[in-house]
């Protein structure tokens, strides 16, 4: 079954892809600037172990985070879209998850206060588990 192209669940999915793109761009902006400023030859940071020589890893760390819990978000959204599940609560939770992930990325890529970042992470995770709980409940019911 093909999804309806006007499905409102596509928008939070697209928003997460946009966030990943923005962090990816930030990653290269900060990485290339640091390498230029410190005169680091690209070959000298060819492996992840060598990348440890870079000082500002906030965007790189956050980019990796966007392929952890968000993978389960993408799976849930695809299940909702292709399963043609209509649910205002799932749509609201999807947007809450996305907003919290934007907040998490902002904190991580800027001032990086762990307490603030952890709060955004925790609440986004709880939101994601709520999405999955609703999906499992609907599947069982």
N, C-alpha and C. Protein backbone atom coordinates (compact mmCIF):
# COMPACT_ATOMS: atom_id res chain seq x y z
N UNK A 1 0.83 -1.18 0.00
CA UNK A 1 0.00 0.00 0.00
C UNK A 1 0.88 1.25 0.00
N UNK A 2 0.64 2.14 -0.90
CA UNK A 2 1.40 3.39 -0.96
C UNK A 2 0.80 4.40 0.02
N UNK A 3 1.66 5.20 0.66
CA UNK A 3 1.13 6.20 1.59
C UNK A 3 0.50 7.36 0.85
N UNK A 4 -0.45 7.98 1.49
CA UNK A 4 -1.06 9.19 0.93
C UNK A 4 -0.03 10.30 1.03
N UNK A 5 0.20 11.02 -0.05
CA UNK A 5 1.24 12.03 -0.07
C UNK A 5 0.92 13.25 0.79
N UNK A 6 -0.32 13.38 1.23
CA UNK A 6 -0.70 14.51 2.09
C UNK A 6 -0.84 14.06 3.53
N UNK A 7 -0.28 12.92 3.85
CA UNK A 7 -0.34 12.40 5.21
C UNK A 7 0.41 13.35 6.15
N UNK A 8 -0.24 13.86 7.20
CA UNK A 8 0.42 14.80 8.09
C UNK A 8 1.61 14.19 8.84
N UNK A 9 1.69 12.87 8.91
CA UNK A 9 2.82 12.23 9.59
C UNK A 9 4.13 12.37 8.79
N UNK A 10 4.02 12.73 7.52
CA UNK A 10 5.22 12.95 6.73
C UNK A 10 6.01 14.17 7.23
N UNK A 11 5.31 15.19 7.75
CA UNK A 11 5.98 16.43 8.13
C UNK A 11 6.96 16.26 9.29
N UNK A 12 6.61 15.56 10.37
CA UNK A 12 7.63 15.35 11.40
C UNK A 12 8.80 14.49 10.89
N UNK A 13 8.51 13.57 10.00
CA UNK A 13 9.56 12.75 9.39
C UNK A 13 10.52 13.65 8.59
N UNK A 14 9.95 14.52 7.76
CA UNK A 14 10.78 15.45 6.98
C UNK A 14 11.55 16.40 7.90
N UNK A 15 10.94 16.81 9.01
CA UNK A 15 11.60 17.71 9.96
C UNK A 15 12.83 17.05 10.57
N UNK A 16 12.74 15.75 10.87
CA UNK A 16 13.90 15.04 11.42
C UNK A 16 15.01 14.92 10.38
N UNK A 17 14.63 14.72 9.13
CA UNK A 17 15.64 14.68 8.07
C UNK A 17 16.30 16.05 7.94
N UNK A 18 15.50 17.12 8.04
CA UNK A 18 16.05 18.48 7.99
C UNK A 18 17.02 18.70 9.15
N UNK A 19 16.65 18.28 10.35
CA UNK A 19 17.55 18.42 11.50
C UNK A 19 18.87 17.71 11.24
N UNK A 20 18.81 16.50 10.71
CA UNK A 20 20.02 15.74 10.42
C UNK A 20 20.89 16.48 9.40
N UNK A 21 20.26 17.06 8.39
CA UNK A 21 20.99 17.84 7.39
C UNK A 21 21.66 19.05 8.04
N UNK A 22 20.93 19.77 8.89
CA UNK A 22 21.48 20.96 9.54
C UNK A 22 22.68 20.62 10.43
N UNK A 23 22.58 19.53 11.17
CA UNK A 23 23.70 19.12 12.03
C UNK A 23 24.88 18.66 11.16
N UNK A 24 24.59 17.98 10.06
CA UNK A 24 25.64 17.54 9.14
C UNK A 24 26.39 18.75 8.58
N UNK A 25 25.65 19.80 8.20
CA UNK A 25 26.29 21.01 7.70
C UNK A 25 27.12 21.69 8.79
N UNK A 26 26.58 21.72 10.01
CA UNK A 26 27.31 22.30 11.14
C UNK A 26 28.59 21.51 11.41
N UNK A 27 28.49 20.19 11.31
CA UNK A 27 29.64 19.32 11.52
C UNK A 27 30.78 19.70 10.57
N UNK A 28 30.47 19.83 9.31
CA UNK A 28 31.51 20.15 8.35
C UNK A 28 31.99 21.58 8.48
N UNK A 29 31.10 22.48 8.86
CA UNK A 29 31.51 23.87 9.08
C UNK A 29 32.54 23.94 10.21
N UNK A 30 32.24 23.30 11.34
CA UNK A 30 33.15 23.38 12.48
C UNK A 30 34.42 22.56 12.25
N UNK A 31 34.27 21.40 11.65
CA UNK A 31 35.42 20.52 11.42
C UNK A 31 36.42 21.17 10.46
N UNK A 32 35.92 21.66 9.34
CA UNK A 32 36.82 22.27 8.36
C UNK A 32 37.46 23.54 8.89
N UNK A 33 36.69 24.33 9.65
CA UNK A 33 37.25 25.56 10.22
C UNK A 33 38.36 25.24 11.20
N UNK A 34 38.15 24.23 12.06
CA UNK A 34 39.19 23.87 13.02
C UNK A 34 40.42 23.32 12.31
N UNK A 35 40.22 22.49 11.31
CA UNK A 35 41.36 21.93 10.59
C UNK A 35 42.16 23.03 9.89
N UNK A 36 41.47 24.00 9.34
CA UNK A 36 42.14 25.11 8.67
C UNK A 36 42.89 25.97 9.70
N UNK A 37 42.19 26.30 10.81
CA UNK A 37 42.78 27.15 11.84
C UNK A 37 44.03 26.50 12.47
N UNK A 38 43.96 25.20 12.71
CA UNK A 38 45.06 24.49 13.37
C UNK A 38 46.03 23.87 12.37
N UNK A 39 45.77 24.08 11.08
CA UNK A 39 46.62 23.55 10.00
C UNK A 39 46.78 22.03 10.10
N UNK A 40 45.63 21.37 10.25
CA UNK A 40 45.62 19.91 10.33
C UNK A 40 45.40 19.36 8.93
N UNK A 41 46.30 18.53 8.48
CA UNK A 41 46.17 17.92 7.16
C UNK A 41 45.05 16.87 7.22
N UNK A 42 44.17 16.81 6.22
CA UNK A 42 43.06 15.85 6.24
C UNK A 42 43.49 14.41 6.44
N UNK A 43 44.63 14.02 5.90
CA UNK A 43 45.08 12.64 6.04
C UNK A 43 45.45 12.30 7.48
N UNK A 44 45.78 13.31 8.26
CA UNK A 44 46.19 13.04 9.64
C UNK A 44 45.00 12.75 10.55
N UNK A 45 43.79 12.92 10.03
CA UNK A 45 42.57 12.58 10.78
C UNK A 45 41.71 11.61 9.96
N UNK A 46 42.37 10.66 9.34
CA UNK A 46 41.69 9.73 8.43
C UNK A 46 40.86 8.68 9.15
N UNK A 47 41.16 8.42 10.42
CA UNK A 47 40.41 7.41 11.17
C UNK A 47 39.70 8.06 12.35
N UNK A 48 38.74 7.36 12.92
CA UNK A 48 38.03 7.92 14.07
C UNK A 48 38.97 8.11 15.26
N UNK A 49 39.95 7.25 15.41
CA UNK A 49 40.93 7.41 16.49
C UNK A 49 41.74 8.69 16.29
N UNK A 50 42.12 8.97 15.06
CA UNK A 50 42.87 10.18 14.76
C UNK A 50 42.00 11.43 14.90
N UNK A 51 40.69 11.28 14.67
CA UNK A 51 39.76 12.39 14.80
C UNK A 51 39.72 12.93 16.23
N UNK A 52 40.14 12.10 17.18
CA UNK A 52 40.17 12.52 18.58
C UNK A 52 41.08 13.73 18.78
N UNK A 53 41.96 13.99 17.83
CA UNK A 53 42.85 15.15 17.91
C UNK A 53 42.08 16.46 17.75
N UNK A 54 40.90 16.39 17.16
CA UNK A 54 40.10 17.61 17.00
C UNK A 54 39.51 18.00 18.34
N UNK A 55 39.44 19.29 18.60
CA UNK A 55 38.96 19.78 19.88
C UNK A 55 37.44 19.90 19.96
N UNK A 56 36.82 20.39 18.90
CA UNK A 56 35.37 20.64 18.93
C UNK A 56 34.64 19.48 18.24
N UNK A 57 34.15 18.56 19.06
CA UNK A 57 33.47 17.38 18.51
C UNK A 57 31.96 17.44 18.75
N UNK A 58 31.44 18.57 19.20
CA UNK A 58 30.02 18.66 19.55
C UNK A 58 29.11 18.28 18.39
N UNK A 59 29.32 18.85 17.22
CA UNK A 59 28.45 18.55 16.08
C UNK A 59 28.62 17.10 15.63
N UNK A 60 29.84 16.60 15.65
CA UNK A 60 30.07 15.21 15.26
C UNK A 60 29.40 14.25 16.24
N UNK A 61 29.50 14.57 17.52
CA UNK A 61 28.85 13.74 18.54
C UNK A 61 27.33 13.77 18.36
N UNK A 62 26.80 14.96 18.09
CA UNK A 62 25.35 15.07 17.91
C UNK A 62 24.90 14.36 16.64
N UNK A 63 25.69 14.45 15.59
CA UNK A 63 25.34 13.77 14.34
C UNK A 63 25.20 12.27 14.58
N UNK A 64 26.13 11.70 15.34
CA UNK A 64 26.02 10.27 15.69
C UNK A 64 24.76 10.00 16.51
N UNK A 65 24.42 10.91 17.42
CA UNK A 65 23.20 10.76 18.22
C UNK A 65 21.95 10.68 17.34
N UNK A 66 21.99 11.36 16.20
CA UNK A 66 20.82 11.37 15.31
C UNK A 66 20.61 10.05 14.59
N UNK A 67 21.49 9.09 14.83
CA UNK A 67 21.33 7.75 14.26
C UNK A 67 21.19 6.71 15.36
N UNK A 68 20.77 7.16 16.53
CA UNK A 68 20.50 6.25 17.64
C UNK A 68 18.98 6.20 17.85
N UNK A 69 18.45 6.88 18.85
CA UNK A 69 16.99 6.85 19.08
C UNK A 69 16.17 7.27 17.86
N UNK A 70 16.60 8.28 17.10
CA UNK A 70 15.79 8.65 15.94
C UNK A 70 15.55 7.53 14.93
N UNK A 71 16.40 6.52 14.90
CA UNK A 71 16.17 5.39 14.00
C UNK A 71 14.83 4.73 14.35
N UNK A 72 14.55 4.60 15.65
CA UNK A 72 13.27 4.03 16.07
C UNK A 72 12.11 4.96 15.73
N UNK A 73 12.37 6.27 15.74
CA UNK A 73 11.35 7.24 15.33
C UNK A 73 11.02 7.04 13.85
N UNK A 74 12.05 6.93 13.02
CA UNK A 74 11.82 6.72 11.59
C UNK A 74 11.03 5.44 11.34
N UNK A 75 11.39 4.39 12.05
CA UNK A 75 10.68 3.12 11.90
C UNK A 75 9.21 3.27 12.29
N UNK A 76 8.95 3.96 13.39
CA UNK A 76 7.57 4.17 13.84
C UNK A 76 6.79 5.00 12.82
N UNK A 77 7.41 6.05 12.31
CA UNK A 77 6.71 6.91 11.34
C UNK A 77 6.39 6.14 10.07
N UNK A 78 7.32 5.32 9.60
CA UNK A 78 7.05 4.53 8.40
C UNK A 78 5.94 3.52 8.65
N UNK A 79 5.94 2.92 9.83
CA UNK A 79 4.86 1.99 10.19
C UNK A 79 3.52 2.72 10.22
N UNK A 80 3.49 3.90 10.79
CA UNK A 80 2.26 4.69 10.85
C UNK A 80 1.80 5.09 9.46
N UNK A 81 2.73 5.58 8.65
CA UNK A 81 2.39 6.06 7.30
C UNK A 81 1.94 4.91 6.41
N UNK A 82 2.74 3.86 6.31
CA UNK A 82 2.39 2.76 5.43
C UNK A 82 1.25 1.91 5.97
N UNK A 83 1.08 1.92 7.29
CA UNK A 83 -0.05 1.22 7.89
C UNK A 83 -1.32 2.05 7.88
N UNK A 84 -1.20 3.27 7.36
CA UNK A 84 -2.31 4.21 7.26
C UNK A 84 -3.03 4.37 8.60
N UNK A 85 -2.24 4.53 9.64
CA UNK A 85 -2.78 4.74 10.98
C UNK A 85 -3.07 6.23 11.16
N UNK A 86 -4.29 6.53 11.47
CA UNK A 86 -4.72 7.92 11.69
C UNK A 86 -4.85 8.13 13.18
N UNK A 87 -4.02 9.00 13.76
CA UNK A 87 -4.06 9.23 15.19
C UNK A 87 -3.52 10.62 15.51
N UNK A 88 -4.37 11.45 16.06
CA UNK A 88 -3.93 12.79 16.45
C UNK A 88 -2.90 12.70 17.58
N UNK A 89 -3.07 11.75 18.49
CA UNK A 89 -2.11 11.63 19.60
C UNK A 89 -0.73 11.25 19.07
N UNK A 90 -0.67 10.37 18.08
CA UNK A 90 0.63 10.01 17.50
C UNK A 90 1.25 11.19 16.76
N UNK A 91 0.43 11.97 16.09
CA UNK A 91 0.94 13.14 15.38
C UNK A 91 1.51 14.15 16.37
N UNK A 92 0.79 14.40 17.45
CA UNK A 92 1.26 15.34 18.47
C UNK A 92 2.55 14.83 19.11
N UNK A 93 2.59 13.56 19.45
CA UNK A 93 3.80 12.99 20.04
C UNK A 93 4.98 13.04 19.07
N UNK A 94 4.70 12.83 17.79
CA UNK A 94 5.77 12.90 16.78
C UNK A 94 6.37 14.30 16.76
N UNK A 95 5.52 15.33 16.79
CA UNK A 95 6.02 16.70 16.77
C UNK A 95 6.75 17.04 18.07
N UNK A 96 6.28 16.51 19.19
CA UNK A 96 6.98 16.74 20.46
C UNK A 96 8.37 16.12 20.39
N UNK A 97 8.45 14.89 19.88
CA UNK A 97 9.75 14.22 19.73
C UNK A 97 10.68 15.07 18.87
N UNK A 98 10.18 15.54 17.73
CA UNK A 98 11.01 16.33 16.82
C UNK A 98 11.47 17.62 17.50
N UNK A 99 10.56 18.30 18.18
CA UNK A 99 10.92 19.55 18.86
C UNK A 99 12.00 19.31 19.91
N UNK A 100 11.86 18.22 20.67
CA UNK A 100 12.85 17.91 21.69
C UNK A 100 14.19 17.52 21.07
N UNK A 101 14.17 16.86 19.92
CA UNK A 101 15.42 16.52 19.25
C UNK A 101 16.09 17.78 18.69
N UNK A 102 15.30 18.74 18.20
CA UNK A 102 15.88 20.01 17.76
C UNK A 102 16.53 20.71 18.95
N UNK A 103 15.83 20.71 20.09
CA UNK A 103 16.38 21.32 21.30
C UNK A 103 17.66 20.61 21.73
N UNK A 104 17.64 19.28 21.73
CA UNK A 104 18.81 18.50 22.09
C UNK A 104 19.99 18.85 21.18
N UNK A 105 19.74 18.91 19.89
CA UNK A 105 20.82 19.24 18.94
C UNK A 105 21.33 20.65 19.14
N UNK A 106 20.42 21.59 19.39
CA UNK A 106 20.84 22.97 19.63
C UNK A 106 21.77 23.03 20.84
N UNK A 107 21.34 22.40 21.93
CA UNK A 107 22.16 22.39 23.15
C UNK A 107 23.50 21.72 22.89
N UNK A 108 23.46 20.56 22.24
CA UNK A 108 24.68 19.78 22.00
C UNK A 108 25.67 20.53 21.12
N UNK A 109 25.17 21.22 20.11
CA UNK A 109 26.05 21.89 19.14
C UNK A 109 26.46 23.30 19.57
N UNK A 110 25.87 23.80 20.66
CA UNK A 110 26.23 25.16 21.10
C UNK A 110 26.89 25.10 22.48
N UNK A 111 26.15 25.41 23.53
CA UNK A 111 26.76 25.53 24.85
C UNK A 111 26.97 24.20 25.56
N UNK A 112 26.31 23.16 25.15
CA UNK A 112 26.55 21.77 25.55
C UNK A 112 26.56 21.54 27.07
N UNK A 113 25.58 22.10 27.75
CA UNK A 113 25.45 21.83 29.19
C UNK A 113 24.77 20.47 29.34
N UNK A 114 25.46 19.54 29.95
CA UNK A 114 25.00 18.15 30.02
C UNK A 114 23.62 18.03 30.68
N UNK A 115 23.39 18.75 31.76
CA UNK A 115 22.10 18.67 32.45
C UNK A 115 20.95 19.05 31.50
N UNK A 116 21.10 20.12 30.76
CA UNK A 116 20.07 20.55 29.81
C UNK A 116 19.92 19.55 28.67
N UNK A 117 21.05 19.12 28.16
CA UNK A 117 21.04 18.16 27.04
C UNK A 117 20.40 16.84 27.46
N UNK A 118 20.72 16.38 28.67
CA UNK A 118 20.15 15.13 29.15
C UNK A 118 18.63 15.25 29.32
N UNK A 119 18.15 16.39 29.80
CA UNK A 119 16.71 16.58 29.95
C UNK A 119 16.00 16.47 28.61
N UNK A 120 16.55 17.12 27.59
CA UNK A 120 15.95 17.05 26.26
C UNK A 120 16.00 15.62 25.74
N UNK A 121 17.11 14.94 25.97
CA UNK A 121 17.27 13.55 25.55
C UNK A 121 16.27 12.64 26.26
N UNK A 122 16.18 12.79 27.58
CA UNK A 122 15.28 11.95 28.37
C UNK A 122 13.83 12.13 27.93
N UNK A 123 13.38 13.36 27.80
CA UNK A 123 11.98 13.59 27.43
C UNK A 123 11.70 13.19 25.99
N UNK A 124 12.68 13.34 25.10
CA UNK A 124 12.46 12.86 23.73
C UNK A 124 12.38 11.34 23.72
N UNK A 125 13.21 10.68 24.53
CA UNK A 125 13.15 9.22 24.62
C UNK A 125 11.82 8.74 25.18
N UNK A 126 11.35 9.39 26.23
CA UNK A 126 10.05 9.01 26.81
C UNK A 126 8.92 9.21 25.80
N UNK A 127 9.02 10.28 25.02
CA UNK A 127 8.02 10.53 23.97
C UNK A 127 8.06 9.44 22.92
N UNK A 128 9.25 9.04 22.53
CA UNK A 128 9.39 7.97 21.54
C UNK A 128 8.81 6.66 22.07
N UNK A 129 9.09 6.34 23.33
CA UNK A 129 8.55 5.09 23.90
C UNK A 129 7.03 5.16 24.00
N UNK A 130 6.48 6.36 24.21
CA UNK A 130 5.02 6.51 24.22
C UNK A 130 4.44 6.24 22.83
N UNK A 131 5.12 6.72 21.80
CA UNK A 131 4.69 6.45 20.42
C UNK A 131 4.64 4.94 20.19
N UNK A 132 5.72 4.26 20.58
CA UNK A 132 5.77 2.82 20.38
C UNK A 132 4.74 2.08 21.23
N UNK A 133 4.50 2.55 22.44
CA UNK A 133 3.48 1.92 23.30
C UNK A 133 2.10 2.02 22.65
N UNK A 134 1.78 3.17 22.08
CA UNK A 134 0.50 3.34 21.40
C UNK A 134 0.42 2.42 20.19
N UNK A 135 1.50 2.35 19.43
CA UNK A 135 1.51 1.47 18.25
C UNK A 135 1.31 0.01 18.63
N UNK A 136 2.01 -0.44 19.65
CA UNK A 136 1.87 -1.83 20.10
C UNK A 136 0.46 -2.08 20.63
N UNK A 137 -0.08 -1.15 21.39
CA UNK A 137 -1.43 -1.27 21.92
C UNK A 137 -2.44 -1.37 20.79
N UNK A 138 -2.29 -0.53 19.77
CA UNK A 138 -3.21 -0.58 18.62
C UNK A 138 -3.05 -1.89 17.86
N UNK A 139 -1.84 -2.36 17.73
CA UNK A 139 -1.60 -3.61 17.01
C UNK A 139 -2.22 -4.79 17.75
N UNK A 140 -2.10 -4.79 19.08
CA UNK A 140 -2.65 -5.88 19.89
C UNK A 140 -4.17 -5.80 19.98
N UNK A 141 -4.69 -4.58 19.90
CA UNK A 141 -6.14 -4.38 20.08
C UNK A 141 -6.87 -4.59 18.83
